Amino acid sequence: MALKTTKFDIQDHLKTPEDRAAYLEAAFEEGDAEFIIQALNDIARAIGMTEVARAAGVTREGLYKSLGQNGDPKLSTLLRLMKALDVKLSVSPSTHEAV
């Protein structure tokens, strides 16, 4: 009997602001910039790139560029994007020794 598999698409699991926040929080906890950008991209695609770009005040093409493979969005873009995604950034002390 053949094994039947289903394609996994993260967008199917990012329907609510709580789901999106949890996913993005996990990405930030990893501390990997590429993973954070990919998570932002996944969330933006789940909502709709055109809608997110409009809400963030950037062009759709600019959003694709910022969240693309070589993307490195400016802080101002990141903050507008997070507002458009209905998530917020918070800061807490690290468990690592301070410099």
Protein backbone atom coordinates (compact mmCIF):
# COMPACT_ATOMS: atom_id res chain seq x y z
CA MET A 1 0.00 0.00 0.00
CA ALA A 2 1.42 3.36 -1.04
CA LEU A 3 1.92 6.07 1.54
CA LYS A 4 -0.27 9.08 0.86
CA THR A 5 1.17 12.47 1.78
CA THR A 6 -0.25 15.95 1.76
CA LYS A 7 1.65 19.09 0.85
CA PHE A 8 2.36 21.27 3.89
CA ASP A 9 1.86 24.99 3.40
CA ILE A 10 2.57 27.22 6.38
CA GLN A 11 0.03 29.74 5.08
CA ASP A 12 -2.75 27.32 6.02
CA HIS A 13 -1.67 27.66 9.66
CA LEU A 14 -1.35 31.46 9.84
CA LYS A 15 -5.02 32.44 9.83
CA THR A 16 -5.24 34.37 13.11
CA PRO A 17 -3.13 37.19 14.58
CA GLU A 18 -2.27 34.82 17.45
CA ASP A 19 -0.96 32.17 15.04
CA ARG A 20 1.08 34.77 13.17
CA ALA A 21 2.49 36.24 16.38
CA ALA A 22 3.51 32.80 17.69
CA TYR A 23 5.24 31.94 14.41
CA LEU A 24 7.08 35.26 14.30
CA GLU A 25 8.05 34.99 17.96
CA ALA A 26 9.58 31.57 17.29
CA ALA A 27 11.53 33.03 14.37
CA PHE A 28 12.89 35.87 16.53
CA GLU A 29 13.84 33.39 19.26
CA GLU A 30 16.00 31.55 16.72
CA GLY A 31 17.87 34.80 16.08
CA ASP A 32 18.43 34.02 12.40
CA ALA A 33 17.75 37.05 10.17
CA GLU A 34 16.97 34.89 7.13
CA PHE A 35 14.43 32.87 9.10
CA ILE A 36 12.80 36.05 10.44
CA ILE A 37 12.50 37.47 6.92
CA GLN A 38 11.07 34.16 5.68
CA ALA A 39 8.53 34.16 8.53
CA LEU A 40 7.50 37.72 7.65
CA ASN A 41 7.18 36.65 4.02
CA ASP A 42 5.06 33.63 4.96
CA ILE A 43 2.74 35.77 7.07
CA ALA A 44 2.45 38.45 4.39
CA ARG A 45 1.58 35.79 1.79
CA ALA A 46 -1.02 34.29 4.14
CA ILE A 47 -2.73 37.67 4.45
CA GLY A 48 -2.11 38.78 0.86
CA MET A 49 0.93 40.69 -0.40
CA THR A 50 -1.10 43.48 -2.00
CA GLU A 51 -3.13 44.08 1.14
CA VAL A 52 -0.03 44.01 3.37
CA ALA A 53 1.94 46.32 1.08
CA ARG A 54 -0.92 48.82 1.06
CA ALA A 55 -1.28 48.70 4.85
CA ALA A 56 2.49 49.06 5.32
CA GLY A 57 2.72 51.99 2.92
CA VAL A 58 5.13 50.28 0.53
CA THR A 59 4.76 49.09 -3.03
CA ARG A 60 4.00 45.45 -3.65
CA GLU A 61 7.28 45.15 -5.56
CA GLY A 62 9.13 46.79 -2.67
CA LEU A 63 7.58 44.33 -0.24
CA TYR A 64 8.63 41.37 -2.40
CA LYS A 65 12.16 42.81 -2.58
CA SER A 66 12.37 43.41 1.17
CA LEU A 67 11.14 39.91 1.99
CA GLY A 68 12.85 38.11 -0.89
CA GLN A 69 15.85 35.82 -0.85
CA ASN A 70 18.38 38.65 -0.47
CA GLY A 71 15.98 40.90 1.43
CA ASP A 72 17.17 43.05 4.29
CA PRO A 73 14.35 45.45 5.17
CA LYS A 74 15.14 48.75 6.88
CA LEU A 75 13.95 49.12 10.44
CA SER A 76 11.30 51.64 9.39
CA THR A 77 9.96 49.16 6.82
CA LEU A 78 10.03 46.35 9.38
CA LEU A 79 8.02 48.40 11.89
CA ARG A 80 5.39 49.39 9.30
CA LEU A 81 5.22 45.79 8.10
CA MET A 82 4.70 44.41 11.59
CA LYS A 83 1.88 46.91 12.16
CA ALA A 84 0.30 45.82 8.87
CA LEU A 85 0.62 42.17 9.96
CA ASP A 86 -1.16 43.01 13.23
CA VAL A 87 1.78 41.92 15.38
CA LYS A 88 4.07 43.91 17.63
CA LEU A 89 7.69 43.60 18.62
CA SER A 90 8.55 43.42 22.31
CA VAL A 91 11.87 43.26 24.08
CA SER A 92 12.86 41.32 27.19
CA PRO A 93 16.18 40.65 28.90
CA SER A 94 18.27 37.89 27.38
CA THR A 95 19.38 34.90 29.38
CA HIS A 96 22.88 35.40 27.98
CA GLU A 97 25.58 37.33 29.79
CA ALA A 98 25.53 41.04 28.88
CA VAL A 99 28.58 42.63 27.32
